[in-house]
PDB file of all heavy atoms in Angstrom:
ATOM      1  N   ASP A   1     -18.834   1.463  15.370  1.00  0.00           N
ATOM      2  CA  ASP A   1     -20.125   2.111  15.131  1.00  0.00           C
ATOM      3  C   ASP A   1     -20.216   2.719  13.732  1.00  0.00           C
ATOM      4  O   ASP A   1     -21.285   2.752  13.128  1.00  0.00           O
ATOM      5  CB  ASP A   1     -20.385   3.207  16.172  1.00  0.00           C
ATOM      6  CG  ASP A   1     -20.583   2.649  17.567  1.00  0.00           C
ATOM      7  OD1 ASP A   1     -20.927   1.449  17.695  1.00  0.00           O
ATOM      8  OD2 ASP A   1     -20.389   3.411  18.540  1.00  0.00           O
ATOM      9  N   ARG A   2     -19.083   3.200  13.201  1.00  0.00           N
ATOM     10  CA  ARG A   2     -19.055   3.807  11.866  1.00  0.00           C
ATOM     11  C   ARG A   2     -18.476   2.864  10.821  1.00  0.00           C
ATOM     12  O   ARG A   2     -18.320   3.231   9.666  1.00  0.00           O
ATOM     13  CB  ARG A   2     -18.237   5.110  11.911  1.00  0.00           C
ATOM     14  CG  ARG A   2     -18.906   6.168  12.792  1.00  0.00           C
ATOM     15  CD  ARG A   2     -18.148   7.483  12.850  1.00  0.00           C
ATOM     16  NE  ARG A   2     -17.609   7.879  11.586  1.00  0.00           N
ATOM     17  CZ  ARG A   2     -16.293   8.043  11.334  1.00  0.00           C
ATOM     18  NH1 ARG A   2     -15.408   7.866  12.281  1.00  0.00           N
ATOM     19  NH2 ARG A   2     -15.873   8.415  10.158  1.00  0.00           N
ATOM     20  N   GLY A   3     -18.121   1.657  11.223  1.00  0.00           N
ATOM     21  CA  GLY A   3     -17.572   0.689  10.277  1.00  0.00           C
ATOM     22  C   GLY A   3     -16.155   1.004   9.839  1.00  0.00           C
ATOM     23  O   GLY A   3     -15.728   0.577   8.767  1.00  0.00           O
ATOM     24  N   VAL A   4     -15.415   1.761  10.654  1.00  0.00           N
ATOM     25  CA  VAL A   4     -14.029   2.096  10.329  1.00  0.00           C
ATOM     26  C   VAL A   4     -13.140   1.017  10.933  1.00  0.00           C
ATOM     27  O   VAL A   4     -13.152   0.803  12.142  1.00  0.00           O
ATOM     28  CB  VAL A   4     -13.637   3.486  10.866  1.00  0.00           C
ATOM     29  CG1 VAL A   4     -12.160   3.768  10.621  1.00  0.00           C
ATOM     30  CG2 VAL A   4     -14.505   4.562  10.224  1.00  0.00           C
ATOM     31  N   ARG A   5     -12.383   0.338  10.076  1.00  0.00           N
ATOM     32  CA  ARG A   5     -11.468  -0.702  10.526  1.00  0.00           C
ATOM     33  C   ARG A   5     -10.101  -0.102  10.798  1.00  0.00           C
ATOM     34  O   ARG A   5      -9.697   0.858  10.157  1.00  0.00           O
ATOM     35  CB  ARG A   5     -11.300  -1.794   9.457  1.00  0.00           C
ATOM     36  CG  ARG A   5     -12.543  -2.578   9.187  1.00  0.00           C
ATOM     37  CD  ARG A   5     -12.312  -3.667   8.144  1.00  0.00           C
ATOM     38  NE  ARG A   5     -11.905  -3.090   6.859  1.00  0.00           N
ATOM     39  CZ  ARG A   5     -10.826  -3.473   6.167  1.00  0.00           C
ATOM     40  NH1 ARG A   5     -10.050  -4.424   6.612  1.00  0.00           N
ATOM     41  NH2 ARG A   5     -10.536  -2.917   5.020  1.00  0.00           N
ATOM     42  N   GLY A   6      -9.389  -0.696  11.730  1.00  0.00           N
ATOM     43  CA  GLY A   6      -8.006  -0.332  11.991  1.00  0.00           C
ATOM     44  C   GLY A   6      -7.136  -1.540  11.708  1.00  0.00           C
ATOM     45  O   GLY A   6      -7.419  -2.631  12.198  1.00  0.00           O
ATOM     46  N   ILE A   7      -6.113  -1.360  10.869  1.00  0.00           N
ATOM     47  CA  ILE A   7      -5.213  -2.481  10.579  1.00  0.00           C
ATOM     48  C   ILE A   7      -3.773  -2.058  10.814  1.00  0.00           C
ATOM     49  O   ILE A   7      -3.408  -0.898  10.619  1.00  0.00           O
ATOM     50  CB  ILE A   7      -5.382  -3.017   9.139  1.00  0.00           C
ATOM     51  CG1 ILE A   7      -5.027  -1.962   8.100  1.00  0.00           C
ATOM     52  CG2 ILE A   7      -6.783  -3.558   8.907  1.00  0.00           C
ATOM     53  CD1 ILE A   7      -4.939  -2.517   6.693  1.00  0.00           C
ATOM     54  N   ASN A   8      -2.976  -3.002  11.260  1.00  0.00           N
ATOM     55  CA  ASN A   8      -1.534  -2.800  11.392  1.00  0.00           C
ATOM     56  C   ASN A   8      -0.882  -3.317  10.121  1.00  0.00           C
ATOM     57  O   ASN A   8      -1.203  -4.411   9.661  1.00  0.00           O
ATOM     58  CB  ASN A   8      -0.993  -3.550  12.602  1.00  0.00           C
ATOM     59  CG  ASN A   8      -1.497  -2.953  13.889  1.00  0.00           C
ATOM     60  OD1 ASN A   8      -1.530  -1.738  14.053  1.00  0.00           O
ATOM     61  ND2 ASN A   8      -1.919  -3.787  14.810  1.00  0.00           N
ATOM     62  N   LEU A   9      -0.002  -2.536   9.564  1.00  0.00           N
ATOM     63  CA  LEU A   9       0.630  -2.893   8.303  1.00  0.00           C
ATOM     64  C   LEU A   9       2.127  -3.052   8.513  1.00  0.00           C
ATOM     65  O   LEU A   9       2.808  -2.129   8.965  1.00  0.00           O
ATOM     66  CB  LEU A   9       0.366  -1.800   7.259  1.00  0.00           C
ATOM     67  CG  LEU A   9       1.005  -1.996   5.899  1.00  0.00           C
ATOM     68  CD1 LEU A   9       0.351  -3.173   5.181  1.00  0.00           C
ATOM     69  CD2 LEU A   9       0.869  -0.736   5.066  1.00  0.00           C
ATOM     70  N   PHE A  10       2.621  -4.224   8.210  1.00  0.00           N
ATOM     71  CA  PHE A  10       4.051  -4.485   8.248  1.00  0.00           C
ATOM     72  C   PHE A  10       4.559  -4.409   6.818  1.00  0.00           C
ATOM     73  O   PHE A  10       3.923  -4.934   5.906  1.00  0.00           O
ATOM     74  CB  PHE A  10       4.339  -5.880   8.818  1.00  0.00           C
ATOM     75  CG  PHE A  10       3.938  -6.025  10.250  1.00  0.00           C
ATOM     76  CD1 PHE A  10       2.668  -6.441  10.593  1.00  0.00           C
ATOM     77  CD2 PHE A  10       4.836  -5.725  11.264  1.00  0.00           C
ATOM     78  CE1 PHE A  10       2.298  -6.573  11.916  1.00  0.00           C
ATOM     79  CE2 PHE A  10       4.473  -5.857  12.594  1.00  0.00           C
ATOM     80  CZ  PHE A  10       3.204  -6.287  12.924  1.00  0.00           C
ATOM     81  N   VAL A  11       5.667  -3.765   6.603  1.00  0.00           N
ATOM     82  CA  VAL A  11       6.192  -3.603   5.251  1.00  0.00           C
ATOM     83  C   VAL A  11       7.605  -4.161   5.158  1.00  0.00           C
ATOM     84  O   VAL A  11       8.311  -4.292   6.147  1.00  0.00           O
ATOM     85  CB  VAL A  11       6.195  -2.120   4.809  1.00  0.00           C
ATOM     86  CG1 VAL A  11       4.793  -1.565   4.775  1.00  0.00           C
ATOM     87  CG2 VAL A  11       7.067  -1.276   5.715  1.00  0.00           C
ATOM     88  N   HIS A  12       7.978  -4.490   3.945  1.00  0.00           N
ATOM     89  CA  HIS A  12       9.349  -4.889   3.650  1.00  0.00           C
ATOM     90  C   HIS A  12       9.710  -4.323   2.280  1.00  0.00           C
ATOM     91  O   HIS A  12       8.829  -4.023   1.473  1.00  0.00           O
ATOM     92  CB  HIS A  12       9.505  -6.414   3.671  1.00  0.00           C
ATOM     93  CG  HIS A  12       8.755  -7.109   2.584  1.00  0.00           C
ATOM     94  ND1 HIS A  12       7.408  -7.392   2.671  1.00  0.00           N
ATOM     95  CD2 HIS A  12       9.154  -7.569   1.381  1.00  0.00           C
ATOM     96  CE1 HIS A  12       7.012  -7.998   1.563  1.00  0.00           C
ATOM     97  NE2 HIS A  12       8.047  -8.113   0.769  1.00  0.00           N
ATOM     98  N   SER A  13      10.979  -4.161   2.029  1.00  0.00           N
ATOM     99  CA  SER A  13      11.423  -3.616   0.745  1.00  0.00           C
ATOM    100  C   SER A  13      11.111  -4.608  -0.361  1.00  0.00           C
ATOM    101  O   SER A  13      11.485  -5.776  -0.289  1.00  0.00           O
ATOM    102  CB  SER A  13      12.929  -3.334   0.780  1.00  0.00           C
ATOM    103  OG  SER A  13      13.208  -2.349   1.743  1.00  0.00           O
ATOM    104  N   ASP A  14      10.409  -4.145  -1.369  1.00  0.00           N
ATOM    105  CA  ASP A  14      10.032  -4.993  -2.490  1.00  0.00           C
ATOM    106  C   ASP A  14      10.032  -4.114  -3.736  1.00  0.00           C
ATOM    107  O   ASP A  14       9.085  -3.355  -3.972  1.00  0.00           O
ATOM    108  CB  ASP A  14       8.651  -5.597  -2.246  1.00  0.00           C
ATOM    109  CG  ASP A  14       8.200  -6.557  -3.331  1.00  0.00           C
ATOM    110  OD1 ASP A  14       8.570  -6.355  -4.506  1.00  0.00           O
ATOM    111  OD2 ASP A  14       7.466  -7.496  -3.002  1.00  0.00           O
ATOM    112  N   ALA A  15      11.081  -4.191  -4.530  1.00  0.00           N
ATOM    113  CA  ALA A  15      11.244  -3.312  -5.696  1.00  0.00           C
ATOM    114  C   ALA A  15      10.082  -3.455  -6.676  1.00  0.00           C
ATOM    115  O   ALA A  15       9.615  -2.462  -7.238  1.00  0.00           O
ATOM    116  CB  ALA A  15      12.567  -3.603  -6.392  1.00  0.00           C
ATOM    117  N   GLU A  16       9.600  -4.671  -6.886  1.00  0.00           N
ATOM    118  CA  GLU A  16       8.491  -4.875  -7.828  1.00  0.00           C
ATOM    119  C   GLU A  16       7.220  -4.183  -7.326  1.00  0.00           C
ATOM    120  O   GLU A  16       6.518  -3.527  -8.089  1.00  0.00           O
ATOM    121  CB  GLU A  16       8.242  -6.362  -8.017  1.00  0.00           C
ATOM    122  CG  GLU A  16       7.187  -6.667  -9.073  1.00  0.00           C
ATOM    123  CD  GLU A  16       7.013  -8.162  -9.317  1.00  0.00           C
ATOM    124  OE1 GLU A  16       7.974  -8.918  -9.108  1.00  0.00           O
ATOM    125  OE2 GLU A  16       5.911  -8.546  -9.722  1.00  0.00           O
ATOM    126  N   GLN A  17       6.942  -4.328  -6.032  1.00  0.00           N
ATOM    127  CA  GLN A  17       5.758  -3.688  -5.457  1.00  0.00           C
ATOM    128  C   GLN A  17       5.886  -2.158  -5.515  1.00  0.00           C
ATOM    129  O   GLN A  17       4.931  -1.458  -5.854  1.00  0.00           O
ATOM    130  CB  GLN A  17       5.560  -4.150  -4.024  1.00  0.00           C
ATOM    131  CG  GLN A  17       4.284  -3.626  -3.397  1.00  0.00           C
ATOM    132  CD  GLN A  17       4.120  -4.099  -1.968  1.00  0.00           C
ATOM    133  OE1 GLN A  17       5.068  -4.089  -1.194  1.00  0.00           O
ATOM    134  NE2 GLN A  17       2.918  -4.520  -1.633  1.00  0.00           N
ATOM    135  N   LEU A  18       7.067  -1.636  -5.207  1.00  0.00           N
ATOM    136  CA  LEU A  18       7.275  -0.192  -5.270  1.00  0.00           C
ATOM    137  C   LEU A  18       7.119   0.320  -6.702  1.00  0.00           C
ATOM    138  O   LEU A  18       6.540   1.383  -6.931  1.00  0.00           O
ATOM    139  CB  LEU A  18       8.639   0.179  -4.702  1.00  0.00           C
ATOM    140  CG  LEU A  18       8.788  -0.015  -3.194  1.00  0.00           C
ATOM    141  CD1 LEU A  18      10.242   0.202  -2.783  1.00  0.00           C
ATOM    142  CD2 LEU A  18       7.868   0.898  -2.435  1.00  0.00           C
ATOM    143  N   SER A  19       7.607  -0.433  -7.678  1.00  0.00           N
ATOM    144  CA  SER A  19       7.447  -0.044  -9.085  1.00  0.00           C
ATOM    145  C   SER A  19       5.975   0.001  -9.464  1.00  0.00           C
ATOM    146  O   SER A  19       5.539   0.888 -10.198  1.00  0.00           O
ATOM    147  CB  SER A  19       8.187  -1.024  -9.991  1.00  0.00           C
ATOM    148  OG  SER A  19       9.572  -0.937  -9.780  1.00  0.00           O
ATOM    149  N   HIS A  20       5.208  -0.967  -8.962  1.00  0.00           N
ATOM    150  CA  HIS A  20       3.770  -0.987  -9.227  1.00  0.00           C
ATOM    151  C   HIS A  20       3.095   0.256  -8.631  1.00  0.00           C
ATOM    152  O   HIS A  20       2.248   0.881  -9.274  1.00  0.00           O
ATOM    153  CB  HIS A  20       3.147  -2.268  -8.659  1.00  0.00           C
ATOM    154  CG  HIS A  20       1.664  -2.331  -8.799  1.00  0.00           C
ATOM    155  ND1 HIS A  20       1.039  -2.473 -10.026  1.00  0.00           N
ATOM    156  CD2 HIS A  20       0.677  -2.267  -7.874  1.00  0.00           C
ATOM    157  CE1 HIS A  20      -0.271  -2.491  -9.843  1.00  0.00           C
ATOM    158  NE2 HIS A  20      -0.506  -2.371  -8.547  1.00  0.00           N
ATOM    159  N   MET A  21       3.500   0.620  -7.409  1.00  0.00           N
ATOM    160  CA  MET A  21       2.919   1.811  -6.786  1.00  0.00           C
ATOM    161  C   MET A  21       3.271   3.069  -7.568  1.00  0.00           C
ATOM    162  O   MET A  21       2.427   3.956  -7.737  1.00  0.00           O
ATOM    163  CB  MET A  21       3.394   1.916  -5.337  1.00  0.00           C
ATOM    164  CG  MET A  21       2.794   0.850  -4.443  1.00  0.00           C
ATOM    165  SD  MET A  21       3.424   0.892  -2.761  1.00  0.00           S
ATOM    166  CE  MET A  21       2.753   2.439  -2.194  1.00  0.00           C
ATOM    167  N   VAL A  22       4.490   3.151  -8.068  1.00  0.00           N
ATOM    168  CA  VAL A  22       4.889   4.302  -8.887  1.00  0.00           C
ATOM    169  C   VAL A  22       4.020   4.371 -10.140  1.00  0.00           C
ATOM    170  O   VAL A  22       3.564   5.450 -10.531  1.00  0.00           O
ATOM    171  CB  VAL A  22       6.385   4.225  -9.253  1.00  0.00           C
ATOM    172  CG1 VAL A  22       6.743   5.248 -10.317  1.00  0.00           C
ATOM    173  CG2 VAL A  22       7.244   4.443  -8.010  1.00  0.00           C
ATOM    174  N   ALA A  23       3.762   3.228 -10.754  1.00  0.00           N
ATOM    175  CA  ALA A  23       2.904   3.204 -11.947  1.00  0.00           C
ATOM    176  C   ALA A  23       1.495   3.677 -11.614  1.00  0.00           C
ATOM    177  O   ALA A  23       0.882   4.429 -12.385  1.00  0.00           O
ATOM    178  CB  ALA A  23       2.877   1.796 -12.544  1.00  0.00           C
ATOM    179  N   LEU A  24       0.959   3.263 -10.465  1.00  0.00           N
ATOM    180  CA  LEU A  24      -0.368   3.717 -10.042  1.00  0.00           C
ATOM    181  C   LEU A  24      -0.393   5.226  -9.841  1.00  0.00           C
ATOM    182  O   LEU A  24      -1.347   5.905 -10.243  1.00  0.00           O
ATOM    183  CB  LEU A  24      -0.789   3.016  -8.752  1.00  0.00           C
ATOM    184  CG  LEU A  24      -1.092   1.529  -8.832  1.00  0.00           C
ATOM    185  CD1 LEU A  24      -1.332   0.962  -7.427  1.00  0.00           C
ATOM    186  CD2 LEU A  24      -2.288   1.254  -9.722  1.00  0.00           C
ATOM    187  N   ILE A  25       0.666   5.754  -9.236  1.00  0.00           N
ATOM    188  CA  ILE A  25       0.756   7.201  -9.039  1.00  0.00           C
ATOM    189  C   ILE A  25       0.840   7.909 -10.386  1.00  0.00           C
ATOM    190  O   ILE A  25       0.143   8.900 -10.631  1.00  0.00           O
ATOM    191  CB  ILE A  25       1.964   7.550  -8.143  1.00  0.00           C
ATOM    192  CG1 ILE A  25       1.725   7.046  -6.724  1.00  0.00           C
ATOM    193  CG2 ILE A  25       2.248   9.046  -8.156  1.00  0.00           C
ATOM    194  CD1 ILE A  25       2.949   7.074  -5.839  1.00  0.00           C
ATOM    195  N   ASP A  26       1.680   7.403 -11.292  1.00  0.00           N
ATOM    196  CA  ASP A  26       1.839   8.017 -12.617  1.00  0.00           C
ATOM    197  C   ASP A  26       0.529   8.035 -13.398  1.00  0.00           C
ATOM    198  O   ASP A  26       0.270   8.970 -14.150  1.00  0.00           O
ATOM    199  CB  ASP A  26       2.917   7.290 -13.421  1.00  0.00           C
ATOM    200  CG  ASP A  26       4.328   7.556 -12.915  1.00  0.00           C
ATOM    201  OD1 ASP A  26       4.505   8.511 -12.120  1.00  0.00           O
ATOM    202  OD2 ASP A  26       5.246   6.809 -13.308  1.00  0.00           O
ATOM    203  N   ARG A  27      -0.303   7.009 -13.224  1.00  0.00           N
ATOM    204  CA  ARG A  27      -1.597   6.937 -13.919  1.00  0.00           C
ATOM    205  C   ARG A  27      -2.692   7.713 -13.191  1.00  0.00           C
ATOM    206  O   ARG A  27      -3.816   7.783 -13.659  1.00  0.00           O
ATOM    207  CB  ARG A  27      -2.035   5.478 -14.082  1.00  0.00           C
ATOM    208  CG  ARG A  27      -1.198   4.685 -15.049  1.00  0.00           C
ATOM    209  CD  ARG A  27      -1.861   3.371 -15.430  1.00  0.00           C
ATOM    210  NE  ARG A  27      -2.256   2.539 -14.321  1.00  0.00           N
ATOM    211  CZ  ARG A  27      -1.538   1.522 -13.809  1.00  0.00           C
ATOM    212  NH1 ARG A  27      -0.370   1.221 -14.333  1.00  0.00           N
ATOM    213  NH2 ARG A  27      -1.991   0.821 -12.801  1.00  0.00           N
TER     214      ARG A  27
END
């Protein structure tokens, strides 16, 4: 009714992806 989606997120260790997230946080 409010257009809120629910998603399940599966994660795995990925150093490159984590580095990208750190850069996003730093910026």
